[in-house]
């Protein structure tokens, strides 16, 4: 069983930013894939696929640790 959830992330402006957020989210337990739809200067969509649902609090903490914030 897989779970997929999409989040808006504010503050990413380039591929490096997307890579930092991707790495942070891939470090969460159960995460199998992270897809970033980058919108420079706006709210980017980050889709997280995992083996079980990941809490929004854990996603928020990982994104904040990477230096960004959920929109």
PDB file of N, CA and C in Angstrom:
ATOM      1  N   UNK A   1       0.836  -1.177   0.000  1.00  0.00           N
ATOM      2  CA  UNK A   1       0.000   0.000   0.000  1.00  0.00           C
ATOM      3  C   UNK A   1       0.883   1.243   0.000  1.00  0.00           C
ATOM      4  N   UNK A   2       0.576   2.179  -0.880  1.00  0.00           N
ATOM      5  CA  UNK A   2       1.316   3.432  -0.928  1.00  0.00           C
ATOM      6  C   UNK A   2       0.381   4.590  -0.629  1.00  0.00           C
ATOM      7  N   UNK A   3       0.973   5.633  -0.060  1.00  0.00           N
ATOM      8  CA  UNK A   3       0.234   6.862   0.210  1.00  0.00           C
ATOM      9  C   UNK A   3       0.918   7.983  -0.556  1.00  0.00           C
ATOM     10  N   UNK A   4       0.122   8.879  -1.097  1.00  0.00           N
ATOM     11  CA  UNK A   4       0.655  10.030  -1.815  1.00  0.00           C
ATOM     12  C   UNK A   4      -0.039  11.278  -1.301  1.00  0.00           C
ATOM     13  N   UNK A   5       0.760  12.319  -1.047  1.00  0.00           N
ATOM     14  CA  UNK A   5       0.203  13.596  -0.589  1.00  0.00           C
ATOM     15  C   UNK A   5       0.980  14.727  -1.237  1.00  0.00           C
ATOM     16  N   UNK A   6       0.289  15.806  -1.565  1.00  0.00           N
ATOM     17  CA  UNK A   6       0.917  16.978  -2.186  1.00  0.00           C
ATOM     18  C   UNK A   6       0.887  18.142  -1.201  1.00  0.00           C
ATOM     19  N   UNK A   7       1.959  18.918  -1.222  1.00  0.00           N
ATOM     20  CA  UNK A   7       2.110  20.064  -0.325  1.00  0.00           C
ATOM     21  C   UNK A   7       2.594  21.261  -1.127  1.00  0.00           C
ATOM     22  N   UNK A   8       2.167  22.443  -0.754  1.00  0.00           N
ATOM     23  CA  UNK A   8       2.696  23.672  -1.322  1.00  0.00           C
ATOM     24  C   UNK A   8       3.890  24.100  -0.492  1.00  0.00           C
ATOM     25  N   UNK A   9       4.986  24.427  -1.163  1.00  0.00           N
ATOM     26  CA  UNK A   9       6.191  24.882  -0.469  1.00  0.00           C
ATOM     27  C   UNK A   9       6.571  26.250  -1.018  1.00  0.00           C
ATOM     28  N   UNK A  10       6.768  27.182  -0.126  1.00  0.00           N
ATOM     29  CA  UNK A  10       7.081  28.560  -0.492  1.00  0.00           C
ATOM     30  C   UNK A  10       8.579  28.814  -0.343  1.00  0.00           C
ATOM     31  N   UNK A  11       9.140  29.599  -1.240  1.00  0.00           N
ATOM     32  CA  UNK A  11      10.518  30.042  -1.098  1.00  0.00           C
ATOM     33  C   UNK A  11      11.534  29.378  -2.004  1.00  0.00           C
ATOM     34  N   UNK A  12      11.166  28.330  -2.704  1.00  0.00           N
ATOM     35  CA  UNK A  12      12.128  27.684  -3.595  1.00  0.00           C
ATOM     36  C   UNK A  12      12.226  28.480  -4.894  1.00  0.00           C
ATOM     37  N   UNK A  13      13.445  28.673  -5.371  1.00  0.00           N
ATOM     38  CA  UNK A  13      13.639  29.482  -6.577  1.00  0.00           C
ATOM     39  C   UNK A  13      14.406  28.769  -7.683  1.00  0.00           C
ATOM     40  N   UNK A  14      15.015  27.606  -7.362  1.00  0.00           N
ATOM     41  CA  UNK A  14      15.863  26.969  -8.373  1.00  0.00           C
ATOM     42  C   UNK A  14      15.949  25.466  -8.145  1.00  0.00           C
ATOM     43  N   UNK A  15      16.643  24.792  -9.020  1.00  0.00           N
ATOM     44  CA  UNK A  15      16.831  23.360  -8.925  1.00  0.00           C
ATOM     45  C   UNK A  15      17.562  22.938  -7.663  1.00  0.00           C
ATOM     46  N   UNK A  16      18.514  23.762  -7.223  1.00  0.00           N
ATOM     47  CA  UNK A  16      19.231  23.448  -5.984  1.00  0.00           C
ATOM     48  C   UNK A  16      18.259  23.435  -4.802  1.00  0.00           C
ATOM     49  N   UNK A  17      17.378  24.425  -4.745  1.00  0.00           N
ATOM     50  CA  UNK A  17      16.363  24.483  -3.681  1.00  0.00           C
ATOM     51  C   UNK A  17      15.512  23.214  -3.704  1.00  0.00           C
ATOM     52  N   UNK A  18      15.070  22.824  -4.882  1.00  0.00           N
ATOM     53  CA  UNK A  18      14.252  21.624  -5.026  1.00  0.00           C
ATOM     54  C   UNK A  18      15.015  20.394  -4.549  1.00  0.00           C
ATOM     55  N   UNK A  19      16.298  20.335  -4.846  1.00  0.00           N
ATOM     56  CA  UNK A  19      17.122  19.214  -4.412  1.00  0.00           C
ATOM     57  C   UNK A  19      17.267  19.140  -2.906  1.00  0.00           C
ATOM     58  N   UNK A  20      17.401  20.295  -2.259  1.00  0.00           N
ATOM     59  CA  UNK A  20      17.529  20.331  -0.802  1.00  0.00           C
ATOM     60  C   UNK A  20      16.244  19.831  -0.149  1.00  0.00           C
ATOM     61  N   UNK A  21      15.102  20.290  -0.640  1.00  0.00           N
ATOM     62  CA  UNK A  21      13.819  19.858  -0.094  1.00  0.00           C
ATOM     63  C   UNK A  21      13.604  18.367  -0.370  1.00  0.00           C
ATOM     64  N   UNK A  22      13.939  17.918  -1.566  1.00  0.00           N
ATOM     65  CA  UNK A  22      13.808  16.507  -1.906  1.00  0.00           C
ATOM     66  C   UNK A  22      14.632  15.643  -0.962  1.00  0.00           C
ATOM     67  N   UNK A  23      15.867  16.009  -0.729  1.00  0.00           N
ATOM     68  CA  UNK A  23      16.736  15.243   0.164  1.00  0.00           C
ATOM     69  C   UNK A  23      16.183  15.200   1.583  1.00  0.00           C
ATOM     70  N   UNK A  24      15.680  16.334   2.056  1.00  0.00           N
ATOM     71  CA  UNK A  24      15.133  16.389   3.413  1.00  0.00           C
ATOM     72  C   UNK A  24      13.927  15.463   3.548  1.00  0.00           C
ATOM     73  N   UNK A  25      13.063  15.481   2.553  1.00  0.00           N
ATOM     74  CA  UNK A  25      11.860  14.647   2.616  1.00  0.00           C
ATOM     75  C   UNK A  25      12.177  13.173   2.416  1.00  0.00           C
ATOM     76  N   UNK A  26      13.162  12.857   1.597  1.00  0.00           N
ATOM     77  CA  UNK A  26      13.541  11.461   1.390  1.00  0.00           C
ATOM     78  C   UNK A  26      14.124  10.844   2.655  1.00  0.00           C
ATOM     79  N   UNK A  27      14.548  11.680   3.584  1.00  0.00           N
ATOM     80  CA  UNK A  27      15.077  11.193   4.848  1.00  0.00           C
ATOM     81  C   UNK A  27      14.012  10.765   5.835  1.00  0.00           C
ATOM     82  N   UNK A  28      12.753  11.058   5.533  1.00  0.00           N
ATOM     83  CA  UNK A  28      11.669  10.659   6.434  1.00  0.00           C
ATOM     84  C   UNK A  28      11.388   9.163   6.281  1.00  0.00           C
ATOM     85  N   UNK A  29      11.079   8.490   7.376  1.00  0.00           N
ATOM     86  CA  UNK A  29      10.794   7.055   7.318  1.00  0.00           C
ATOM     87  C   UNK A  29       9.620   6.740   6.392  1.00  0.00           C
ATOM     88  N   UNK A  30       9.821   5.766   5.512  1.00  0.00           N
ATOM     89  CA  UNK A  30       8.766   5.304   4.626  1.00  0.00           C
ATOM     90  C   UNK A  30       8.648   6.041   3.307  1.00  0.00           C
ATOM     91  N   UNK A  31       9.318   7.179   3.153  1.00  0.00           N
ATOM     92  CA  UNK A  31       9.215   7.942   1.908  1.00  0.00           C
ATOM     93  C   UNK A  31       9.952   7.207   0.807  1.00  0.00           C
ATOM     94  N   UNK A  32       9.249   6.976  -0.307  1.00  0.00           N
ATOM     95  CA  UNK A  32       9.835   6.247  -1.432  1.00  0.00           C
ATOM     96  C   UNK A  32      10.098   7.133  -2.636  1.00  0.00           C
ATOM     97  N   UNK A  33       9.407   8.280  -2.722  1.00  0.00           N
ATOM     98  CA  UNK A  33       9.597   9.169  -3.866  1.00  0.00           C
ATOM     99  C   UNK A  33       9.152  10.580  -3.504  1.00  0.00           C
ATOM    100  N   UNK A  34       9.857  11.547  -4.060  1.00  0.00           N
ATOM    101  CA  UNK A  34       9.507  12.963  -3.896  1.00  0.00           C
ATOM    102  C   UNK A  34       9.595  13.604  -5.274  1.00  0.00           C
ATOM    103  N   UNK A  35       8.530  14.277  -5.666  1.00  0.00           N
ATOM    104  CA  UNK A  35       8.480  14.962  -6.956  1.00  0.00           C
ATOM    105  C   UNK A  35       8.206  16.439  -6.697  1.00  0.00           C
ATOM    106  N   UNK A  36       9.066  17.311  -7.224  1.00  0.00           N
ATOM    107  CA  UNK A  36       8.905  18.749  -7.045  1.00  0.00           C
ATOM    108  C   UNK A  36       8.504  19.376  -8.369  1.00  0.00           C
ATOM    109  N   UNK A  37       7.397  20.103  -8.357  1.00  0.00           N
ATOM    110  CA  UNK A  37       6.966  20.913  -9.494  1.00  0.00           C
ATOM    111  C   UNK A  37       7.324  22.347  -9.128  1.00  0.00           C
ATOM    112  N   UNK A  38       8.520  22.771  -9.552  1.00  0.00           N
ATOM    113  CA  UNK A  38       9.096  24.051  -9.145  1.00  0.00           C
ATOM    114  C   UNK A  38       8.394  25.222  -9.819  1.00  0.00           C
ATOM    115  N   UNK A  39       7.999  26.192  -8.996  1.00  0.00           N
ATOM    116  CA  UNK A  39       7.438  27.456  -9.459  1.00  0.00           C
ATOM    117  C   UNK A  39       8.295  28.560  -8.841  1.00  0.00           C
ATOM    118  N   UNK A  40       9.372  28.973  -9.535  1.00  0.00           N
ATOM    119  CA  UNK A  40      10.270  29.976  -8.971  1.00  0.00           C
ATOM    120  C   UNK A  40       9.513  31.252  -8.581  1.00  0.00           C
ATOM    121  N   UNK A  41       9.754  31.692  -7.346  1.00  0.00           N
ATOM    122  CA  UNK A  41       9.134  32.913  -6.873  1.00  0.00           C
ATOM    123  C   UNK A  41       7.686  32.751  -6.444  1.00  0.00           C
ATOM    124  N   UNK A  42       7.178  31.532  -6.493  1.00  0.00           N
ATOM    125  CA  UNK A  42       5.790  31.269  -6.107  1.00  0.00           C
ATOM    126  C   UNK A  42       5.721  30.053  -5.211  1.00  0.00           C
ATOM    127  N   UNK A  43       4.572  29.435  -5.180  1.00  0.00           N
ATOM    128  CA  UNK A  43       4.379  28.232  -4.376  1.00  0.00           C
ATOM    129  C   UNK A  43       4.603  27.011  -5.265  1.00  0.00           C
ATOM    130  N   UNK A  44       5.597  26.229  -4.911  1.00  0.00           N
ATOM    131  CA  UNK A  44       5.905  24.995  -5.642  1.00  0.00           C
ATOM    132  C   UNK A  44       5.107  23.847  -5.037  1.00  0.00           C
ATOM    133  N   UNK A  45       4.776  22.872  -5.864  1.00  0.00           N
ATOM    134  CA  UNK A  45       4.056  21.695  -5.387  1.00  0.00           C
ATOM    135  C   UNK A  45       5.051  20.554  -5.198  1.00  0.00           C
ATOM    136  N   UNK A  46       5.017  19.977  -4.011  1.00  0.00           N
ATOM    137  CA  UNK A  46       5.883  18.852  -3.689  1.00  0.00           C
ATOM    138  C   UNK A  46       4.985  17.658  -3.386  1.00  0.00           C
ATOM    139  N   UNK A  47       5.164  16.588  -4.152  1.00  0.00           N
ATOM    140  CA  UNK A  47       4.367  15.380  -3.972  1.00  0.00           C
ATOM    141  C   UNK A  47       5.235  14.318  -3.319  1.00  0.00           C
ATOM    142  N   UNK A  48       4.742  13.797  -2.206  1.00  0.00           N
ATOM    143  CA  UNK A  48       5.478  12.807  -1.425  1.00  0.00           C
ATOM    144  C   UNK A  48       4.741  11.472  -1.517  1.00  0.00           C
ATOM    145  N   UNK A  49       5.456  10.433  -1.930  1.00  0.00           N
ATOM    146  CA  UNK A  49       4.910   9.077  -1.969  1.00  0.00           C
ATOM    147  C   UNK A  49       5.634   8.264  -0.905  1.00  0.00           C
ATOM    148  N   UNK A  50       4.856   7.485  -0.159  1.00  0.00           N
ATOM    149  CA  UNK A  50       5.439   6.732   0.946  1.00  0.00           C
ATOM    150  C   UNK A  50       4.716   5.397   1.123  1.00  0.00           C
ATOM    151  N   UNK A  51       5.339   4.523   1.903  1.00  0.00           N
ATOM    152  CA  UNK A  51       4.758   3.212   2.149  1.00  0.00           C
ATOM    153  C   UNK A  51       3.569   3.277   3.097  1.00  0.00           C
ATOM    154  N   UNK A  52       3.462   4.348   3.858  1.00  0.00           N
ATOM    155  CA  UNK A  52       2.337   4.618   4.765  1.00  0.00           C
ATOM    156  C   UNK A  52       2.225   6.138   4.855  1.00  0.00           C
ATOM    157  N   UNK A  53       1.072   6.649   5.236  1.00  0.00           N
ATOM    158  CA  UNK A  53       0.931   8.110   5.331  1.00  0.00           C
ATOM    159  C   UNK A  53       1.994   8.723   6.249  1.00  0.00           C
ATOM    160  N   UNK A  54       2.559   9.841   5.800  1.00  0.00           N
ATOM    161  CA  UNK A  54       3.526  10.602   6.588  1.00  0.00           C
ATOM    162  C   UNK A  54       2.769  11.788   7.170  1.00  0.00           C
ATOM    163  N   UNK A  55       2.980  12.062   8.442  1.00  0.00           N
ATOM    164  CA  UNK A  55       2.232  13.151   9.071  1.00  0.00           C
ATOM    165  C   UNK A  55       2.650  14.495   8.485  1.00  0.00           C
ATOM    166  N   UNK A  56       1.688  15.396   8.418  1.00  0.00           N
ATOM    167  CA  UNK A  56       1.956  16.749   7.925  1.00  0.00           C
ATOM    168  C   UNK A  56       2.973  17.445   8.820  1.00  0.00           C
ATOM    169  N   UNK A  57       2.970  17.119  10.099  1.00  0.00           N
ATOM    170  CA  UNK A  57       3.928  17.712  11.031  1.00  0.00           C
ATOM    171  C   UNK A  57       5.359  17.286  10.687  1.00  0.00           C
ATOM    172  N   UNK A  58       5.533  16.017  10.316  1.00  0.00           N
ATOM    173  CA  UNK A  58       6.869  15.541   9.940  1.00  0.00           C
ATOM    174  C   UNK A  58       7.326  16.189   8.641  1.00  0.00           C
ATOM    175  N   UNK A  59       6.409  16.328   7.680  1.00  0.00           N
ATOM    176  CA  UNK A  59       6.739  16.989   6.415  1.00  0.00           C
ATOM    177  C   UNK A  59       7.110  18.435   6.686  1.00  0.00           C
ATOM    178  N   UNK A  60       6.318  19.116   7.488  1.00  0.00           N
ATOM    179  CA  UNK A  60       6.586  20.518   7.818  1.00  0.00           C
ATOM    180  C   UNK A  60       7.953  20.672   8.478  1.00  0.00           C
ATOM    181  N   UNK A  61       8.272  19.792   9.423  1.00  0.00           N
ATOM    182  CA  UNK A  61       9.557  19.865  10.109  1.00  0.00           C
ATOM    183  C   UNK A  61      10.720  19.651   9.141  1.00  0.00           C
ATOM    184  N   UNK A  62      10.599  18.701   8.224  1.00  0.00           N
ATOM    185  CA  UNK A  62      11.667  18.440   7.255  1.00  0.00           C
ATOM    186  C   UNK A  62      11.850  19.618   6.313  1.00  0.00           C
ATOM    187  N   UNK A  63      10.739  20.194   5.854  1.00  0.00           N
ATOM    188  CA  UNK A  63      10.815  21.344   4.945  1.00  0.00           C
ATOM    189  C   UNK A  63      11.436  22.540   5.664  1.00  0.00           C
ATOM    190  N   UNK A  64      11.043  22.768   6.900  1.00  0.00           N
ATOM    191  CA  UNK A  64      11.616  23.877   7.681  1.00  0.00           C
ATOM    192  C   UNK A  64      13.105  23.666   7.935  1.00  0.00           C
ATOM    193  N   UNK A  65      13.487  22.426   8.220  1.00  0.00           N
ATOM    194  CA  UNK A  65      14.904  22.116   8.444  1.00  0.00           C
ATOM    195  C   UNK A  65      15.710  22.411   7.181  1.00  0.00           C
ATOM    196  N   UNK A  66      15.084  22.228   6.023  1.00  0.00           N
ATOM    197  CA  UNK A  66      15.761  22.507   4.751  1.00  0.00           C
ATOM    198  C   UNK A  66      15.818  24.006   4.458  1.00  0.00           C
ATOM    199  N   UNK A  67      15.104  24.813   5.248  1.00  0.00           N
ATOM    200  CA  UNK A  67      15.157  26.260   5.078  1.00  0.00           C
ATOM    201  C   UNK A  67      13.984  26.862   4.337  1.00  0.00           C
ATOM    202  N   UNK A  68      12.902  26.107   4.203  1.00  0.00           N
ATOM    203  CA  UNK A  68      11.722  26.578   3.484  1.00  0.00           C
ATOM    204  C   UNK A  68      10.500  26.403   4.362  1.00  0.00           C
ATOM    205  N   UNK A  69       9.318  26.713   3.837  1.00  0.00           N
ATOM    206  CA  UNK A  69       8.112  26.560   4.644  1.00  0.00           C
ATOM    207  C   UNK A  69       6.959  26.098   3.782  1.00  0.00           C
ATOM    208  N   UNK A  70       6.060  25.378   4.434  1.00  0.00           N
ATOM    209  CA  UNK A  70       4.844  24.977   3.735  1.00  0.00           C
ATOM    210  C   UNK A  70       3.974  26.194   3.523  1.00  0.00           C
ATOM    211  N   UNK A  71       3.323  26.241   2.387  1.00  0.00           N
ATOM    212  CA  UNK A  71       2.456  27.386   2.055  1.00  0.00           C
ATOM    213  C   UNK A  71       1.086  27.176   2.649  1.00  0.00           C
TER     214      UNK A  71
END
